[in-house]
Amino acid sequence: MAKYVVTGNNVSFNGTDVSASVTRAELAISSTEVDVTDFASGGWTEVVGGLKSGSVSIDFQQDFGTGGIGETLTEALVGTIGTVVIIAGNGSTASTTTPAYTAECLISSVTPVSGAVGDLSTYSVQWSTTGPIVKTTA
């Protein structure tokens, strides 16, 4: 796939398309470093990959209207597991050029009220993933 400028990635939460309220979405996948340095390491630290983890970061524009993000992401969800699907490459369906990433996330926080006088009400979340992140290309 050629390089692309982000103009329309698709984001859904628990099966609801929330793309119209999202201004930024990020999925990060990482691995812990496990030190395996021994006397034969020649004075160098040696590491191998350990447990994998992930996080989903999303910036939202708040909307309390019918069907808005305020109805979808409520304080009642805090402490529960939700499903986030991000389709990259400005796509709306999974394909080889617009892969979909599905992650189960711990909804550790929501911010129903945020903003100063005259500002657009926005907020950001960062949720840890639980279990494997699944990449779909078809």
N, C-alpha and C. Protein backbone atom coordinates (compact mmCIF):
# COMPACT_ATOMS: atom_id res chain seq x y z
N MET A 1 0.84 -1.17 0.00
CA MET A 1 0.00 0.00 0.00
C MET A 1 0.88 1.23 0.00
N ALA A 2 0.50 2.21 -0.75
CA ALA A 2 1.23 3.47 -0.78
C ALA A 2 1.00 4.23 0.52
N LYS A 3 1.88 5.17 0.78
CA LYS A 3 1.69 6.03 1.94
C LYS A 3 0.36 6.76 1.79
N TYR A 4 -0.22 7.12 2.91
CA TYR A 4 -1.51 7.79 2.82
C TYR A 4 -1.64 8.87 3.88
N VAL A 5 -2.45 9.85 3.58
CA VAL A 5 -2.81 10.88 4.54
C VAL A 5 -4.11 10.45 5.18
N VAL A 6 -4.17 10.48 6.50
CA VAL A 6 -5.37 10.05 7.21
C VAL A 6 -6.49 11.05 6.95
N THR A 7 -7.54 10.56 6.32
CA THR A 7 -8.71 11.41 6.08
C THR A 7 -10.01 10.74 6.50
N GLY A 8 -9.99 9.45 6.75
CA GLY A 8 -11.26 8.80 7.06
C GLY A 8 -11.15 7.41 7.60
N ASN A 9 -10.24 7.16 8.55
CA ASN A 9 -10.23 5.84 9.17
C ASN A 9 -11.58 5.61 9.85
N ASN A 10 -11.96 4.35 9.96
CA ASN A 10 -13.24 3.99 10.54
C ASN A 10 -13.02 3.43 11.94
N VAL A 11 -13.83 3.91 12.90
CA VAL A 11 -13.71 3.44 14.28
C VAL A 11 -15.09 3.02 14.75
N SER A 12 -15.17 1.82 15.34
CA SER A 12 -16.42 1.39 15.94
C SER A 12 -16.17 0.95 17.37
N PHE A 13 -17.20 1.10 18.19
CA PHE A 13 -17.13 0.70 19.60
C PHE A 13 -18.34 -0.15 19.90
N ASN A 14 -18.10 -1.39 20.35
CA ASN A 14 -19.18 -2.34 20.65
C ASN A 14 -20.20 -2.43 19.51
N GLY A 15 -19.70 -2.41 18.27
CA GLY A 15 -20.56 -2.58 17.11
C GLY A 15 -21.20 -1.31 16.58
N THR A 16 -20.97 -0.18 17.25
CA THR A 16 -21.54 1.10 16.80
C THR A 16 -20.45 1.93 16.13
N ASP A 17 -20.70 2.39 14.92
CA ASP A 17 -19.76 3.24 14.21
C ASP A 17 -19.72 4.60 14.91
N VAL A 18 -18.56 4.95 15.47
CA VAL A 18 -18.40 6.23 16.17
C VAL A 18 -17.48 7.18 15.40
N SER A 19 -17.19 6.86 14.16
CA SER A 19 -16.25 7.63 13.35
C SER A 19 -16.58 9.11 13.27
N ALA A 20 -17.86 9.46 13.25
CA ALA A 20 -18.27 10.85 13.13
C ALA A 20 -17.90 11.68 14.36
N SER A 21 -17.54 11.01 15.46
CA SER A 21 -17.14 11.71 16.68
C SER A 21 -15.65 11.61 16.97
N VAL A 22 -14.91 10.90 16.13
CA VAL A 22 -13.49 10.64 16.37
C VAL A 22 -12.64 11.58 15.52
N THR A 23 -11.65 12.21 16.18
CA THR A 23 -10.70 13.07 15.45
C THR A 23 -9.31 12.46 15.38
N ARG A 24 -9.05 11.45 16.22
CA ARG A 24 -7.76 10.77 16.19
C ARG A 24 -7.93 9.39 16.81
N ALA A 25 -7.31 8.39 16.18
CA ALA A 25 -7.33 7.03 16.74
C ALA A 25 -5.94 6.44 16.58
N GLU A 26 -5.51 5.74 17.63
CA GLU A 26 -4.19 5.13 17.61
C GLU A 26 -4.25 3.78 18.29
N LEU A 27 -3.62 2.81 17.68
CA LEU A 27 -3.47 1.48 18.26
C LEU A 27 -1.97 1.24 18.41
N ALA A 28 -1.53 0.98 19.62
CA ALA A 28 -0.11 0.71 19.87
C ALA A 28 0.03 -0.71 20.40
N ILE A 29 0.99 -1.45 19.86
CA ILE A 29 1.27 -2.82 20.27
C ILE A 29 2.73 -2.87 20.70
N SER A 30 2.99 -3.46 21.86
CA SER A 30 4.36 -3.50 22.36
C SER A 30 4.64 -4.84 23.04
N SER A 31 5.89 -5.03 23.37
CA SER A 31 6.34 -6.23 24.07
C SER A 31 7.26 -5.80 25.20
N THR A 32 7.18 -6.49 26.32
CA THR A 32 8.12 -6.22 27.39
C THR A 32 9.49 -6.76 27.00
N GLU A 33 10.52 -6.19 27.58
CA GLU A 33 11.87 -6.69 27.39
C GLU A 33 12.22 -7.56 28.59
N VAL A 34 12.69 -8.76 28.31
CA VAL A 34 13.12 -9.67 29.36
C VAL A 34 14.63 -9.81 29.24
N ASP A 35 15.32 -9.45 30.30
CA ASP A 35 16.79 -9.50 30.32
C ASP A 35 17.25 -10.95 30.42
N VAL A 36 18.06 -11.38 29.46
CA VAL A 36 18.62 -12.73 29.46
C VAL A 36 20.15 -12.67 29.47
N THR A 37 20.70 -11.56 29.98
CA THR A 37 22.15 -11.39 30.03
C THR A 37 22.78 -12.47 30.91
N ASP A 38 23.88 -13.03 30.41
CA ASP A 38 24.60 -14.04 31.18
C ASP A 38 26.10 -13.78 31.07
N PHE A 39 26.90 -14.65 31.67
CA PHE A 39 28.35 -14.44 31.67
C PHE A 39 28.95 -14.52 30.27
N ALA A 40 28.25 -15.16 29.33
CA ALA A 40 28.76 -15.28 27.96
C ALA A 40 28.31 -14.12 27.07
N SER A 41 27.70 -13.12 27.65
CA SER A 41 27.17 -11.99 26.85
C SER A 41 28.24 -10.99 26.45
N GLY A 42 29.47 -11.20 26.88
CA GLY A 42 30.58 -10.35 26.45
C GLY A 42 30.46 -8.91 26.93
N GLY A 43 29.81 -8.71 28.05
CA GLY A 43 29.67 -7.35 28.59
C GLY A 43 28.52 -6.57 27.99
N TRP A 44 27.71 -7.22 27.19
CA TRP A 44 26.55 -6.57 26.58
C TRP A 44 25.26 -7.10 27.21
N THR A 45 24.27 -6.24 27.33
CA THR A 45 22.96 -6.67 27.78
C THR A 45 22.29 -7.41 26.64
N GLU A 46 21.63 -8.52 26.96
CA GLU A 46 20.87 -9.27 25.97
C GLU A 46 19.42 -9.33 26.42
N VAL A 47 18.50 -9.10 25.49
CA VAL A 47 17.09 -9.13 25.82
C VAL A 47 16.32 -9.95 24.80
N VAL A 48 15.18 -10.48 25.22
CA VAL A 48 14.24 -11.15 24.33
C VAL A 48 12.87 -10.54 24.59
N GLY A 49 11.98 -10.75 23.65
CA GLY A 49 10.62 -10.25 23.81
C GLY A 49 9.84 -11.08 24.80
N GLY A 50 9.08 -10.41 25.65
CA GLY A 50 8.25 -11.07 26.63
C GLY A 50 6.79 -10.95 26.28
N LEU A 51 5.98 -10.65 27.26
CA LEU A 51 4.55 -10.53 27.05
C LEU A 51 4.22 -9.34 26.16
N LYS A 52 3.24 -9.53 25.28
CA LYS A 52 2.78 -8.44 24.42
C LYS A 52 1.62 -7.72 25.09
N SER A 53 1.48 -6.46 24.76
CA SER A 53 0.35 -5.68 25.26
C SER A 53 -0.01 -4.64 24.22
N GLY A 54 -1.14 -4.02 24.42
CA GLY A 54 -1.58 -2.99 23.49
C GLY A 54 -2.37 -1.93 24.20
N SER A 55 -2.55 -0.82 23.49
CA SER A 55 -3.42 0.25 23.99
C SER A 55 -4.09 0.93 22.82
N VAL A 56 -5.28 1.41 23.10
CA VAL A 56 -6.05 2.16 22.11
C VAL A 56 -6.22 3.57 22.66
N SER A 57 -5.86 4.57 21.86
CA SER A 57 -6.04 5.97 22.23
C SER A 57 -6.98 6.61 21.21
N ILE A 58 -8.01 7.27 21.69
CA ILE A 58 -8.98 7.90 20.79
C ILE A 58 -9.32 9.29 21.31
N ASP A 59 -9.39 10.26 20.40
CA ASP A 59 -9.87 11.60 20.72
C ASP A 59 -11.28 11.74 20.18
N PHE A 60 -12.20 12.16 21.04
CA PHE A 60 -13.61 12.29 20.69
C PHE A 60 -14.06 13.75 20.74
N GLN A 61 -15.06 14.07 19.91
CA GLN A 61 -15.84 15.29 20.04
C GLN A 61 -17.13 14.89 20.73
N GLN A 62 -17.45 15.53 21.85
CA GLN A 62 -18.62 15.14 22.63
C GLN A 62 -19.92 15.51 21.90
N ASP A 63 -20.92 14.67 22.03
CA ASP A 63 -22.24 14.88 21.43
C ASP A 63 -23.26 14.15 22.29
N PHE A 64 -24.16 14.89 22.94
CA PHE A 64 -25.16 14.29 23.80
C PHE A 64 -26.48 14.01 23.09
N GLY A 65 -26.54 14.29 21.78
CA GLY A 65 -27.78 14.07 21.03
C GLY A 65 -28.10 12.60 20.86
N THR A 66 -29.29 12.33 20.35
CA THR A 66 -29.71 10.96 20.09
C THR A 66 -28.72 10.30 19.13
N GLY A 67 -28.20 9.16 19.54
CA GLY A 67 -27.22 8.44 18.73
C GLY A 67 -25.81 9.00 18.83
N GLY A 68 -25.61 10.04 19.63
CA GLY A 68 -24.29 10.66 19.76
C GLY A 68 -23.37 9.84 20.64
N ILE A 69 -22.11 10.24 20.66
CA ILE A 69 -21.10 9.51 21.42
C ILE A 69 -21.42 9.52 22.91
N GLY A 70 -22.13 10.53 23.39
CA GLY A 70 -22.53 10.59 24.79
C GLY A 70 -23.48 9.48 25.20
N GLU A 71 -24.25 8.97 24.25
CA GLU A 71 -25.13 7.82 24.51
C GLU A 71 -24.36 6.50 24.42
N THR A 72 -23.34 6.48 23.58
CA THR A 72 -22.59 5.24 23.35
C THR A 72 -21.56 4.99 24.46
N LEU A 73 -20.82 6.02 24.83
CA LEU A 73 -19.80 5.90 25.87
C LEU A 73 -20.30 6.57 27.14
N THR A 74 -20.85 5.79 28.03
CA THR A 74 -21.38 6.34 29.27
C THR A 74 -20.54 5.90 30.45
N GLU A 75 -20.72 6.60 31.56
CA GLU A 75 -19.97 6.27 32.77
C GLU A 75 -20.29 4.85 33.27
N ALA A 76 -21.43 4.30 32.87
CA ALA A 76 -21.79 2.94 33.27
C ALA A 76 -20.83 1.90 32.69
N LEU A 77 -20.10 2.24 31.63
CA LEU A 77 -19.17 1.30 31.01
C LEU A 77 -17.83 1.20 31.72
N VAL A 78 -17.52 2.16 32.59
CA VAL A 78 -16.22 2.15 33.26
C VAL A 78 -16.08 0.87 34.07
N GLY A 79 -14.96 0.19 33.85
CA GLY A 79 -14.69 -1.08 34.52
C GLY A 79 -15.12 -2.30 33.74
N THR A 80 -15.70 -2.09 32.56
CA THR A 80 -16.13 -3.21 31.73
C THR A 80 -15.19 -3.37 30.54
N ILE A 81 -15.40 -4.43 29.78
CA ILE A 81 -14.61 -4.68 28.57
C ILE A 81 -15.45 -4.29 27.36
N GLY A 82 -14.86 -3.53 26.45
CA GLY A 82 -15.53 -3.13 25.22
C GLY A 82 -14.70 -3.53 24.02
N THR A 83 -15.35 -3.61 22.87
CA THR A 83 -14.66 -3.99 21.63
C THR A 83 -14.47 -2.75 20.76
N VAL A 84 -13.23 -2.51 20.38
CA VAL A 84 -12.89 -1.40 19.49
C VAL A 84 -12.37 -1.99 18.19
N VAL A 85 -12.91 -1.51 17.07
CA VAL A 85 -12.41 -1.91 15.75
C VAL A 85 -11.96 -0.64 15.03
N ILE A 86 -10.71 -0.64 14.60
CA ILE A 86 -10.17 0.48 13.82
C ILE A 86 -9.81 -0.05 12.44
N ILE A 87 -10.41 0.54 11.42
CA ILE A 87 -10.07 0.19 10.03
C ILE A 87 -9.17 1.29 9.51
N ALA A 88 -7.93 0.94 9.21
CA ALA A 88 -6.93 1.91 8.77
C ALA A 88 -6.99 2.12 7.27
N GLY A 89 -6.17 3.01 6.78
CA GLY A 89 -6.06 3.24 5.34
C GLY A 89 -7.24 3.96 4.76
N ASN A 90 -7.98 4.69 5.59
CA ASN A 90 -9.15 5.45 5.15
C ASN A 90 -10.24 4.55 4.59
N GLY A 91 -10.32 3.34 5.12
CA GLY A 91 -11.30 2.39 4.61
C GLY A 91 -12.50 2.25 5.51
N SER A 92 -13.55 1.67 4.96
CA SER A 92 -14.75 1.39 5.75
C SER A 92 -15.01 -0.11 5.86
N THR A 93 -14.26 -0.92 5.09
CA THR A 93 -14.33 -2.37 5.21
C THR A 93 -12.90 -2.92 5.16
N ALA A 94 -12.71 -4.05 5.79
CA ALA A 94 -11.37 -4.64 5.84
C ALA A 94 -10.96 -5.18 4.47
N SER A 95 -9.73 -4.90 4.10
CA SER A 95 -9.14 -5.43 2.87
C SER A 95 -7.63 -5.43 3.06
N THR A 96 -6.91 -5.89 2.05
CA THR A 96 -5.45 -5.91 2.16
C THR A 96 -4.87 -4.50 2.25
N THR A 97 -5.56 -3.51 1.70
CA THR A 97 -5.07 -2.13 1.75
C THR A 97 -5.74 -1.30 2.85
N THR A 98 -6.75 -1.86 3.49
CA THR A 98 -7.40 -1.19 4.62
C THR A 98 -7.64 -2.21 5.73
N PRO A 99 -6.57 -2.60 6.43
CA PRO A 99 -6.71 -3.63 7.45
C PRO A 99 -7.56 -3.16 8.65
N ALA A 100 -8.30 -4.09 9.21
CA ALA A 100 -9.08 -3.82 10.41
C ALA A 100 -8.39 -4.47 11.60
N TYR A 101 -8.32 -3.73 12.68
CA TYR A 101 -7.74 -4.22 13.92
C TYR A 101 -8.83 -4.25 14.99
N THR A 102 -9.05 -5.42 15.58
CA THR A 102 -10.07 -5.59 16.61
C THR A 102 -9.38 -5.84 17.93
N ALA A 103 -9.77 -5.06 18.93
CA ALA A 103 -9.17 -5.19 20.26
C ALA A 103 -10.25 -5.13 21.33
N GLU A 104 -10.14 -6.03 22.28
CA GLU A 104 -10.97 -5.96 23.47
C GLU A 104 -10.22 -5.04 24.44
N CYS A 105 -10.91 -4.06 25.00
CA CYS A 105 -10.27 -3.06 25.85
C CYS A 105 -10.96 -2.93 27.19
N LEU A 106 -10.18 -2.66 28.22
CA LEU A 106 -10.74 -2.31 29.52
C LEU A 106 -11.12 -0.85 29.47
N ILE A 107 -12.42 -0.57 29.61
CA ILE A 107 -12.89 0.82 29.61
C ILE A 107 -12.59 1.38 31.00
N SER A 108 -11.40 1.94 31.14
CA SER A 108 -10.92 2.39 32.44
C SER A 108 -11.39 3.80 32.76
N SER A 109 -11.82 4.55 31.76
CA SER A 109 -12.30 5.91 32.01
C SER A 109 -13.09 6.42 30.81
N VAL A 110 -13.99 7.33 31.10
CA VAL A 110 -14.66 8.17 30.09
C VAL A 110 -14.72 9.57 30.70
N THR A 111 -14.88 10.57 29.86
CA THR A 111 -14.93 11.95 30.32
C THR A 111 -16.18 12.59 29.72
N PRO A 112 -17.31 12.49 30.41
CA PRO A 112 -18.54 13.00 29.81
C PRO A 112 -18.58 14.52 29.68
N VAL A 113 -17.85 15.24 30.53
CA VAL A 113 -17.86 16.70 30.47
C VAL A 113 -16.43 17.20 30.41
N SER A 114 -16.13 18.02 29.38
CA SER A 114 -14.79 18.57 29.23
C SER A 114 -14.88 19.80 28.34
N GLY A 115 -14.18 20.87 28.71
CA GLY A 115 -14.11 22.04 27.86
C GLY A 115 -14.25 23.34 28.62
N ALA A 116 -13.78 24.40 28.02
CA ALA A 116 -13.87 25.75 28.58
C ALA A 116 -14.87 26.55 27.75
N VAL A 117 -15.23 27.70 28.26
CA VAL A 117 -16.17 28.58 27.57
C VAL A 117 -15.70 28.82 26.14
N GLY A 118 -16.57 28.57 25.19
CA GLY A 118 -16.27 28.82 23.79
C GLY A 118 -15.52 27.71 23.08
N ASP A 119 -15.11 26.68 23.81
CA ASP A 119 -14.37 25.57 23.20
C ASP A 119 -15.31 24.47 22.75
N LEU A 120 -14.88 23.74 21.74
CA LEU A 120 -15.56 22.51 21.36
C LEU A 120 -15.31 21.50 22.46
N SER A 121 -16.33 20.81 22.92
CA SER A 121 -16.17 19.81 23.97
C SER A 121 -15.55 18.55 23.38
N THR A 122 -14.31 18.30 23.78
CA THR A 122 -13.57 17.13 23.31
C THR A 122 -12.98 16.41 24.51
N TYR A 123 -12.66 15.14 24.32
CA TYR A 123 -11.93 14.41 25.35
C TYR A 123 -11.19 13.25 24.72
N SER A 124 -10.21 12.76 25.45
CA SER A 124 -9.38 11.66 24.98
C SER A 124 -9.45 10.50 25.95
N VAL A 125 -9.33 9.30 25.41
CA VAL A 125 -9.26 8.10 26.24
C VAL A 125 -8.03 7.31 25.82
N GLN A 126 -7.49 6.57 26.77
CA GLN A 126 -6.46 5.58 26.47
C GLN A 126 -6.82 4.35 27.27
N TRP A 127 -7.11 3.29 26.54
CA TRP A 127 -7.55 2.04 27.15
C TRP A 127 -6.55 0.94 26.86
N SER A 128 -6.25 0.14 27.86
CA SER A 128 -5.39 -1.03 27.67
C SER A 128 -6.19 -2.14 27.01
N THR A 129 -5.52 -2.88 26.14
CA THR A 129 -6.18 -4.03 25.51
C THR A 129 -6.06 -5.22 26.44
N THR A 130 -6.96 -6.19 26.26
CA THR A 130 -6.90 -7.43 27.00
C THR A 130 -7.00 -8.58 26.00
N GLY A 131 -6.03 -9.47 26.02
CA GLY A 131 -6.01 -10.55 25.05
C GLY A 131 -5.39 -10.09 23.74
N PRO A 132 -5.42 -10.96 22.74
CA PRO A 132 -4.77 -10.65 21.46
C PRO A 132 -5.52 -9.60 20.65
N ILE A 133 -4.76 -8.86 19.85
CA ILE A 133 -5.32 -7.92 18.89
C ILE A 133 -5.39 -8.65 17.56
N VAL A 134 -6.56 -8.64 16.92
CA VAL A 134 -6.76 -9.41 15.71
C VAL A 134 -6.75 -8.47 14.50
N LYS A 135 -5.91 -8.81 13.53
CA LYS A 135 -5.83 -8.06 12.26
C LYS A 135 -6.58 -8.83 11.20
N THR A 136 -7.50 -8.14 10.52
CA THR A 136 -8.30 -8.76 9.45
C THR A 136 -8.03 -8.00 8.16
N THR A 137 -7.85 -8.74 7.06
CA THR A 137 -7.60 -8.09 5.77
C THR A 137 -8.61 -8.51 4.71
N ALA A 138 -9.69 -9.14 5.11
CA ALA A 138 -10.72 -9.53 4.14
C ALA A 138 -12.07 -9.59 4.81
